[in-house]
C-alpha cells in the first residue's frame, strides 16, 4: 500500500443531527472545535449536521410524493393556451397582409 494514503488524525467523532438531536459515533478526520460527551462518558470531537438519516424524509418514511399527473395536466393546459394565442396572432397577421 502507498504510505500516507490515510489521514493522520483519523479518530472517533460524534456526529449530531441538529434537526432532531440524534447522534452517532463514527471515525472521521473532519476538523471541529466542538466537543461533547458520549454515552461511555468520554469526550469526543462533535460535528453538527443539518440533516441525516435520522431526520431525512426518505429514511423516516415521511416523504411526500408530488402529484405529477396534476402538474402534467396544468402544463398541457398552459401549452394549449399558448398555442391558441400563437395561432390567433398568426391568423391576424395573415389577415392584415391580404
N, C-alpha and C. Protein backbone atom coordinates (compact mmCIF):
# COMPACT_ATOMS: atom_id res chain seq x y z
N UNK A 1 0.83 -1.19 0.00
CA UNK A 1 0.00 0.00 0.00
C UNK A 1 0.87 1.25 0.00
N UNK A 2 0.31 2.31 -0.53
CA UNK A 2 1.03 3.58 -0.53
C UNK A 2 1.10 4.13 0.89
N UNK A 3 2.21 4.75 1.19
CA UNK A 3 2.32 5.38 2.50
C UNK A 3 1.62 6.74 2.46
N UNK A 4 1.17 7.18 3.59
CA UNK A 4 0.46 8.46 3.79
C UNK A 4 -0.80 8.58 2.93
N UNK A 5 -1.47 7.45 2.70
CA UNK A 5 -2.74 7.49 1.98
C UNK A 5 -3.85 7.95 2.90
N UNK A 6 -3.84 7.49 4.13
CA UNK A 6 -4.88 7.84 5.08
C UNK A 6 -4.44 9.02 5.94
N UNK A 7 -5.38 9.85 6.36
CA UNK A 7 -5.03 10.99 7.21
C UNK A 7 -4.48 10.55 8.56
N UNK A 8 -3.67 11.40 9.12
CA UNK A 8 -3.03 11.10 10.41
C UNK A 8 -4.01 11.22 11.58
N UNK A 9 -4.96 12.13 11.48
CA UNK A 9 -5.84 12.40 12.63
C UNK A 9 -7.20 11.71 12.50
N UNK A 10 -7.20 10.48 12.03
CA UNK A 10 -8.42 9.67 11.91
C UNK A 10 -8.79 9.18 13.30
N UNK A 11 -9.91 9.66 13.83
CA UNK A 11 -10.26 9.41 15.22
C UNK A 11 -11.77 9.28 15.38
N UNK A 12 -12.25 8.79 16.54
CA UNK A 12 -13.69 8.73 16.78
C UNK A 12 -14.27 10.14 16.90
N UNK A 13 -15.42 10.35 16.29
CA UNK A 13 -16.08 11.65 16.29
C UNK A 13 -17.58 11.43 16.47
N UNK A 14 -18.22 12.33 17.20
CA UNK A 14 -19.68 12.28 17.38
C UNK A 14 -20.30 13.13 16.27
N UNK A 15 -21.23 12.56 15.53
CA UNK A 15 -21.99 13.30 14.53
C UNK A 15 -23.40 13.48 15.09
N UNK A 16 -23.85 14.73 15.22
CA UNK A 16 -25.17 15.02 15.78
C UNK A 16 -26.03 15.72 14.73
N UNK A 17 -27.24 15.22 14.57
CA UNK A 17 -28.22 15.81 13.66
C UNK A 17 -28.84 17.01 14.37
N UNK A 18 -28.64 18.20 13.84
CA UNK A 18 -29.16 19.39 14.51
C UNK A 18 -30.67 19.53 14.35
N UNK A 19 -31.29 18.75 13.45
CA UNK A 19 -32.74 18.83 13.27
C UNK A 19 -33.49 18.14 14.41
N UNK A 20 -32.96 17.02 14.92
CA UNK A 20 -33.69 16.32 15.97
C UNK A 20 -32.82 15.88 17.15
N UNK A 21 -31.53 16.15 17.12
CA UNK A 21 -30.66 15.84 18.25
C UNK A 21 -30.11 14.44 18.29
N UNK A 22 -30.48 13.57 17.37
CA UNK A 22 -29.95 12.21 17.34
C UNK A 22 -28.46 12.26 17.02
N UNK A 23 -27.69 11.33 17.56
CA UNK A 23 -26.25 11.33 17.35
C UNK A 23 -25.73 9.91 17.16
N UNK A 24 -24.58 9.80 16.51
CA UNK A 24 -23.90 8.52 16.39
C UNK A 24 -22.41 8.75 16.42
N UNK A 25 -21.68 7.75 16.85
CA UNK A 25 -20.24 7.81 16.97
C UNK A 25 -19.63 7.06 15.80
N UNK A 26 -18.72 7.72 15.10
CA UNK A 26 -18.05 7.11 13.95
C UNK A 26 -16.63 7.65 13.91
N UNK A 27 -15.87 7.20 12.92
CA UNK A 27 -14.49 7.68 12.79
C UNK A 27 -14.43 8.68 11.65
N UNK A 28 -13.65 9.73 11.85
CA UNK A 28 -13.53 10.77 10.83
C UNK A 28 -12.24 11.56 11.05
N UNK A 29 -11.84 12.25 10.00
CA UNK A 29 -10.70 13.16 10.10
C UNK A 29 -11.16 14.61 9.95
N UNK A 30 -12.47 14.83 9.95
CA UNK A 30 -13.01 16.19 9.81
C UNK A 30 -12.60 17.03 11.02
N UNK A 31 -12.28 18.29 10.75
CA UNK A 31 -11.84 19.19 11.82
C UNK A 31 -13.03 19.89 12.46
N UNK A 32 -12.97 20.05 13.76
CA UNK A 32 -14.00 20.76 14.50
C UNK A 32 -13.42 21.26 15.82
N UNK A 33 -13.99 22.33 16.32
CA UNK A 33 -13.54 22.86 17.60
C UNK A 33 -14.52 22.50 18.72
N UNK A 34 -15.65 21.87 18.37
CA UNK A 34 -16.66 21.48 19.35
C UNK A 34 -16.35 20.10 19.92
N UNK A 35 -16.74 19.89 21.17
CA UNK A 35 -16.61 18.57 21.79
C UNK A 35 -17.90 18.26 22.54
N UNK A 36 -18.13 16.97 22.78
CA UNK A 36 -19.31 16.53 23.54
C UNK A 36 -18.99 15.20 24.20
N UNK A 37 -19.73 14.90 25.27
CA UNK A 37 -19.56 13.62 25.95
C UNK A 37 -20.46 12.59 25.29
N UNK A 38 -19.93 11.40 25.13
CA UNK A 38 -20.68 10.30 24.54
C UNK A 38 -21.24 9.43 25.66
N UNK A 39 -22.01 8.42 25.32
CA UNK A 39 -22.65 7.54 26.30
C UNK A 39 -21.65 6.81 27.19
N UNK A 40 -20.43 6.61 26.71
CA UNK A 40 -19.41 5.92 27.50
C UNK A 40 -18.71 6.85 28.49
N UNK A 41 -19.09 8.12 28.52
CA UNK A 41 -18.52 9.08 29.46
C UNK A 41 -17.30 9.80 28.94
N UNK A 42 -16.77 9.39 27.79
CA UNK A 42 -15.60 10.05 27.21
C UNK A 42 -16.03 11.25 26.37
N UNK A 43 -15.12 12.18 26.23
CA UNK A 43 -15.38 13.37 25.42
C UNK A 43 -14.75 13.20 24.04
N UNK A 44 -15.54 13.47 23.01
CA UNK A 44 -15.10 13.31 21.63
C UNK A 44 -15.36 14.60 20.86
N UNK A 45 -14.67 14.81 19.74
CA UNK A 45 -14.99 15.95 18.88
C UNK A 45 -16.43 15.81 18.36
N UNK A 46 -17.11 16.94 18.17
CA UNK A 46 -18.51 16.95 17.76
C UNK A 46 -18.66 17.65 16.41
N UNK A 47 -19.37 17.00 15.50
CA UNK A 47 -19.68 17.61 14.20
C UNK A 47 -21.19 17.68 14.09
N UNK A 48 -21.72 18.88 13.86
CA UNK A 48 -23.16 19.07 13.72
C UNK A 48 -23.53 18.95 12.24
N UNK A 49 -24.59 18.19 11.98
CA UNK A 49 -25.08 18.02 10.61
C UNK A 49 -26.47 18.62 10.52
N UNK A 50 -26.77 19.21 9.38
CA UNK A 50 -28.09 19.79 9.17
C UNK A 50 -29.16 18.72 8.98
N UNK A 51 -28.78 17.62 8.36
CA UNK A 51 -29.74 16.55 8.10
C UNK A 51 -28.98 15.23 8.02
N UNK A 52 -29.61 14.18 8.47
CA UNK A 52 -29.00 12.85 8.42
C UNK A 52 -30.11 11.83 8.19
N UNK A 53 -29.77 10.56 8.26
CA UNK A 53 -30.77 9.51 8.08
C UNK A 53 -31.82 9.56 9.19
N UNK A 54 -31.50 10.17 10.34
CA UNK A 54 -32.46 10.27 11.43
C UNK A 54 -33.58 11.24 11.12
N UNK A 55 -33.33 12.25 10.27
CA UNK A 55 -34.36 13.27 10.02
C UNK A 55 -34.72 13.43 8.55
N UNK A 56 -34.03 12.78 7.64
CA UNK A 56 -34.33 12.92 6.22
C UNK A 56 -35.65 12.23 5.91
N UNK A 57 -36.55 12.92 5.20
CA UNK A 57 -37.87 12.34 4.92
C UNK A 57 -37.83 10.99 4.21
N UNK A 58 -36.86 10.76 3.37
CA UNK A 58 -36.78 9.49 2.66
C UNK A 58 -36.56 8.33 3.63
N UNK A 59 -35.69 8.53 4.61
CA UNK A 59 -35.37 7.46 5.55
C UNK A 59 -36.38 7.33 6.68
N UNK A 60 -37.08 8.41 7.01
CA UNK A 60 -38.05 8.36 8.11
C UNK A 60 -39.43 7.91 7.65
N UNK A 61 -39.64 7.83 6.34
CA UNK A 61 -40.94 7.42 5.81
C UNK A 61 -41.93 8.56 5.72
N UNK A 62 -41.50 9.78 5.93
CA UNK A 62 -42.37 10.94 5.87
C UNK A 62 -42.33 11.63 4.51
N UNK A 63 -41.74 10.96 3.54
CA UNK A 63 -41.59 11.56 2.22
C UNK A 63 -42.96 11.74 1.57
N UNK A 64 -43.19 12.89 0.98
CA UNK A 64 -44.44 13.14 0.28
C UNK A 64 -44.18 13.07 -1.21
N UNK A 65 -45.12 12.53 -1.92
CA UNK A 65 -44.99 12.40 -3.36
C UNK A 65 -45.75 13.52 -4.04
N UNK A 66 -45.15 14.10 -5.04
CA UNK A 66 -45.76 15.19 -5.78
C UNK A 66 -46.77 14.61 -6.76
N UNK A 67 -47.90 15.25 -6.87
CA UNK A 67 -48.93 14.81 -7.80
C UNK A 67 -48.49 15.17 -9.21
N UNK A 68 -47.76 14.27 -9.85
CA UNK A 68 -47.22 14.56 -11.17
C UNK A 68 -48.30 14.62 -12.23
N UNK A 69 -49.36 13.86 -12.05
CA UNK A 69 -50.44 13.89 -13.05
C UNK A 69 -51.07 15.28 -13.08
N UNK A 70 -51.30 15.87 -11.93
CA UNK A 70 -51.86 17.22 -11.88
C UNK A 70 -50.92 18.24 -12.49
N UNK A 71 -49.64 18.08 -12.29
CA UNK A 71 -48.66 19.01 -12.85
C UNK A 71 -48.62 18.89 -14.37
N UNK A 72 -48.72 17.65 -14.87
CA UNK A 72 -48.72 17.44 -16.32
C UNK A 72 -49.95 18.07 -16.94
N UNK A 73 -51.12 17.90 -16.30
CA UNK A 73 -52.35 18.49 -16.81
C UNK A 73 -52.26 20.01 -16.87
N UNK A 74 -51.70 20.61 -15.83
CA UNK A 74 -51.54 22.07 -15.82
C UNK A 74 -50.62 22.53 -16.94
N UNK A 75 -49.54 21.78 -17.16
CA UNK A 75 -48.62 22.13 -18.23
C UNK A 75 -49.31 22.03 -19.58
N UNK A 76 -50.08 20.97 -19.79
CA UNK A 76 -50.76 20.80 -21.07
C UNK A 76 -51.80 21.89 -21.29
N UNK A 77 -52.46 22.34 -20.25
CA UNK A 77 -53.42 23.44 -20.37
C UNK A 77 -52.71 24.74 -20.76
N UNK A 78 -51.58 25.02 -20.12
CA UNK A 78 -50.82 26.23 -20.48
C UNK A 78 -50.31 26.16 -21.91
N UNK A 79 -49.86 24.96 -22.31
CA UNK A 79 -49.35 24.77 -23.67
C UNK A 79 -50.46 25.00 -24.70
N UNK A 80 -51.63 24.45 -24.44
CA UNK A 80 -52.76 24.63 -25.37
C UNK A 80 -53.15 26.11 -25.46
N UNK A 81 -53.16 26.79 -24.34
CA UNK A 81 -53.49 28.22 -24.32
C UNK A 81 -52.47 29.03 -25.12
N UNK A 82 -51.20 28.72 -24.95
CA UNK A 82 -50.13 29.40 -25.69
C UNK A 82 -50.24 29.13 -27.18
N UNK A 83 -50.49 27.88 -27.55
CA UNK A 83 -50.62 27.53 -28.96
C UNK A 83 -51.82 28.21 -29.58
N UNK A 84 -52.92 28.33 -28.85
CA UNK A 84 -54.11 29.02 -29.36
C UNK A 84 -53.82 30.51 -29.57
N UNK A 85 -53.10 31.11 -28.63
CA UNK A 85 -52.75 32.53 -28.75
C UNK A 85 -51.82 32.74 -29.95
N UNK A 86 -50.87 31.84 -30.16
CA UNK A 86 -49.96 31.95 -31.31
C UNK A 86 -50.71 31.77 -32.62
N UNK A 87 -51.66 30.84 -32.65
CA UNK A 87 -52.46 30.62 -33.87
C UNK A 87 -53.31 31.85 -34.17
N UNK A 88 -53.90 32.45 -33.13
CA UNK A 88 -54.71 33.65 -33.33
C UNK A 88 -53.85 34.80 -33.84
N UNK A 89 -52.67 34.95 -33.31
CA UNK A 89 -51.75 36.00 -33.75
C UNK A 89 -51.33 35.77 -35.20
N UNK A 90 -51.06 34.54 -35.56
CA UNK A 90 -50.67 34.21 -36.93
C UNK A 90 -51.83 34.47 -37.89
N UNK A 91 -53.06 34.16 -37.48
CA UNK A 91 -54.24 34.41 -38.33
C UNK A 91 -54.46 35.91 -38.52
N UNK A 92 -54.25 36.65 -37.44
CA UNK A 92 -54.43 38.10 -37.50
C UNK A 92 -53.37 38.71 -38.44
N UNK A 93 -52.15 38.25 -38.35
CA UNK A 93 -51.06 38.75 -39.19
C UNK A 93 -51.33 38.39 -40.66
N UNK A 94 -51.84 37.21 -40.92
CA UNK A 94 -52.16 36.78 -42.30
C UNK A 94 -53.31 37.62 -42.85
N UNK A 95 -54.28 37.94 -42.03
CA UNK A 95 -55.44 38.74 -42.47
C UNK A 95 -55.02 40.16 -42.82
N UNK A 96 -54.06 40.72 -42.09
CA UNK A 96 -53.59 42.08 -42.36
C UNK A 96 -52.82 42.15 -43.67
N UNK A 97 -52.11 41.08 -44.03
CA UNK A 97 -51.32 41.07 -45.24
C UNK A 97 -52.21 41.02 -46.49
N UNK A 98 -53.41 40.51 -46.40
CA UNK A 98 -54.30 40.37 -47.58
C UNK A 98 -54.95 41.64 -47.90
